[in-house]
Amino acid sequence: MQITLEPIGIIHSPYQKKDDIPIQGAFKPEGVGTIEVFERYAQGLTDIEGFSHILIIYFFHKSKDYSLLSKPFLEDKLHGIFAIRSPHRPNHLGISVVRLLERKGNILKIGEIDVFDKTPLLDIKPYVPKFDQRTNVKIGWLERHI
């Protein structure tokens, strides 16, 4: 089976170097960028300005390889790739929750960004607390750090 994805836009951020990107956007709320949704998809943004946060799904275009075991930022111990948030994944897919600050046509101004500049955007979904938040959550090995 082959899956082909086509970007729907491009994410513009202030981050040109890996070391400048926060490990999660929530840790750098002042990080602001824009999402340029390609014109042919702009109609899909109808009513998005009513949401304070959105989920963005993107392609880690700077990541070229992966390992099934890797060391996350917070530890020196190896963990399975599906138990960490490394960009070095089999399909190089990323997901972030960002604050939607403003919409002007096909351009979204976003805060709490944590991606490289010129990252290909694959999809956008509204963040809905009733759908997305969970209670009685366990966070595995991260319990030692958060």
Protein backbone atom coordinates (compact mmCIF):
# COMPACT_ATOMS: atom_id res chain seq x y z
CA MET A 1 0.00 0.00 0.00
CA GLN A 2 1.27 3.42 -0.88
CA ILE A 3 -0.06 6.58 0.74
CA THR A 4 0.48 9.92 -0.92
CA LEU A 5 -0.06 13.15 0.99
CA GLU A 6 -0.13 16.61 -0.49
CA PRO A 7 0.61 19.66 1.67
CA ILE A 8 -2.33 22.05 2.12
CA GLY A 9 -0.08 24.90 3.15
CA ILE A 10 3.18 25.98 4.69
CA ILE A 11 4.03 26.88 8.27
CA HIS A 12 6.20 29.96 8.75
CA SER A 13 7.98 30.24 12.08
CA PRO A 14 10.84 32.20 13.60
CA TYR A 15 12.84 28.97 14.00
CA GLN A 16 15.63 28.44 11.47
CA LYS A 17 17.80 26.20 13.68
CA LYS A 18 16.90 23.04 15.59
CA ASP A 19 18.29 24.39 18.87
CA ASP A 20 15.91 27.38 18.74
CA ILE A 21 12.72 25.29 18.65
CA PRO A 22 11.05 24.71 22.03
CA ILE A 23 10.39 21.05 22.91
CA GLN A 24 6.70 21.98 23.10
CA GLY A 25 5.06 25.23 22.08
CA ALA A 26 3.37 25.60 25.48
CA PHE A 27 6.86 26.17 26.94
CA LYS A 28 7.36 29.21 24.71
CA PRO A 29 3.98 30.99 24.46
CA GLU A 30 5.63 34.05 22.90
CA GLY A 31 6.65 32.00 19.85
CA VAL A 32 4.52 33.39 17.00
CA GLY A 33 4.29 32.28 13.39
CA THR A 34 1.87 32.04 10.52
CA ILE A 35 0.23 29.31 8.53
CA GLU A 36 -0.25 30.00 4.86
CA VAL A 37 -3.05 27.77 3.62
CA PHE A 38 -2.85 27.38 -0.15
CA GLU A 39 -5.64 29.25 -1.94
CA ARG A 40 -7.29 26.09 -3.26
CA TYR A 41 -7.89 25.02 0.38
CA ALA A 42 -8.73 28.46 1.84
CA GLN A 43 -12.50 27.87 1.82
CA GLY A 44 -11.87 25.07 4.33
CA LEU A 45 -10.91 27.76 6.88
CA THR A 46 -14.52 29.00 7.05
CA ASP A 47 -15.48 29.48 10.75
CA ILE A 48 -12.04 28.54 12.10
CA GLU A 49 -11.63 31.98 13.73
CA GLY A 50 -14.14 30.92 16.41
CA PHE A 51 -11.58 28.55 17.93
CA SER A 52 -8.83 29.63 20.32
CA HIS A 53 -6.60 26.63 19.52
CA ILE A 54 -6.08 24.32 16.58
CA LEU A 55 -4.26 21.06 15.98
CA ILE A 56 -1.81 21.21 13.12
CA ILE A 57 -0.52 18.09 11.43
CA TYR A 58 2.68 18.47 9.44
CA PHE A 59 5.62 16.72 7.84
CA PHE A 60 9.00 16.80 9.61
CA HIS A 61 10.77 17.84 6.40
CA LYS A 62 14.18 18.17 8.08
CA SER A 63 14.08 14.62 9.48
CA LYS A 64 15.67 12.08 7.16
CA ASP A 65 16.03 8.99 9.30
CA TYR A 66 14.56 7.24 12.31
CA SER A 67 15.30 4.64 14.93
CA LEU A 68 12.73 2.53 16.76
CA LEU A 69 14.61 3.26 20.00
CA SER A 70 15.75 6.76 20.79
CA LYS A 71 16.70 9.07 23.64
CA PRO A 72 14.16 11.83 24.25
CA PHE A 73 15.16 15.36 25.19
CA LEU A 74 14.41 14.84 28.90
CA GLU A 75 16.32 11.57 29.46
CA ASP A 76 19.43 9.62 28.59
CA LYS A 77 17.52 6.34 28.58
CA LEU A 78 16.31 4.78 25.33
CA HIS A 79 12.54 4.61 24.76
CA GLY A 80 10.46 3.31 21.89
CA ILE A 81 9.82 5.90 19.18
CA PHE A 82 6.06 5.60 19.79
CA ALA A 83 6.58 6.49 23.47
CA ILE A 84 8.39 9.75 22.70
CA ARG A 85 7.76 12.84 20.56
CA SER A 86 10.91 12.81 18.48
CA PRO A 87 10.69 14.12 14.90
CA HIS A 88 12.72 11.10 13.77
CA ARG A 89 9.77 8.78 13.13
CA PRO A 90 9.00 6.20 10.42
CA ASN A 91 6.56 8.54 8.64
CA HIS A 92 7.96 11.88 9.87
CA LEU A 93 4.54 13.14 10.97
CA GLY A 94 4.17 15.83 13.61
CA ILE A 95 1.21 17.23 15.48
CA SER A 96 1.04 20.36 17.61
CA VAL A 97 -1.60 22.29 19.50
CA VAL A 98 -1.19 25.98 18.71
CA ARG A 99 -3.07 29.10 19.72
CA LEU A 100 -5.03 30.68 16.89
CA LEU A 101 -4.47 34.42 17.22
CA GLU A 102 -5.99 35.74 14.01
CA ARG A 103 -7.20 34.85 10.55
CA LYS A 104 -6.74 37.09 7.51
CA GLY A 105 -8.00 35.31 4.41
CA ASN A 106 -5.85 32.23 3.92
CA ILE A 107 -3.28 33.27 6.57
CA LEU A 108 -3.53 32.15 10.19
CA LYS A 109 -1.44 33.90 12.83
CA ILE A 110 -0.56 31.35 15.52
CA GLY A 111 1.12 31.34 18.91
CA GLU A 112 2.89 28.63 20.92
CA ILE A 113 4.53 27.37 17.73
CA ASP A 114 7.17 24.63 17.90
CA VAL A 115 8.13 23.80 14.31
CA PHE A 116 10.80 24.72 11.79
CA ASP A 117 10.20 27.54 9.36
CA LYS A 118 8.75 26.40 6.01
CA THR A 119 7.34 23.15 7.41
CA PRO A 120 4.80 21.53 5.06
CA LEU A 121 1.28 21.58 6.56
CA LEU A 122 -0.81 18.44 6.00
CA ASP A 123 -4.01 19.19 7.94
CA ILE A 124 -5.72 21.41 10.51
CA LYS A 125 -8.34 20.38 13.05
CA PRO A 126 -10.04 22.47 15.73
CA TYR A 127 -8.99 21.81 19.30
CA VAL A 128 -12.12 20.96 21.29
CA PRO A 129 -11.53 20.35 25.03
CA LYS A 130 -14.57 18.10 25.41
CA PHE A 131 -13.22 15.88 22.61
CA ASP A 132 -9.48 16.21 23.18
CA GLN A 133 -8.92 16.34 26.94
CA ARG A 134 -8.94 13.19 29.02
CA THR A 135 -9.09 12.53 32.77
CA ASN A 136 -7.25 9.86 34.78
CA VAL A 137 -4.32 10.14 32.38
CA LYS A 138 -1.03 8.28 32.83
CA ILE A 139 2.08 9.70 31.15
CA GLY A 140 4.49 6.79 31.51
CA TRP A 141 8.19 7.59 31.87
CA LEU A 142 7.42 11.34 31.74
CA GLU A 143 6.01 11.14 35.29
CA ARG A 144 9.64 11.51 36.47
CA HIS A 145 10.02 14.83 34.67
CA ILE A 146 6.73 16.70 34.65
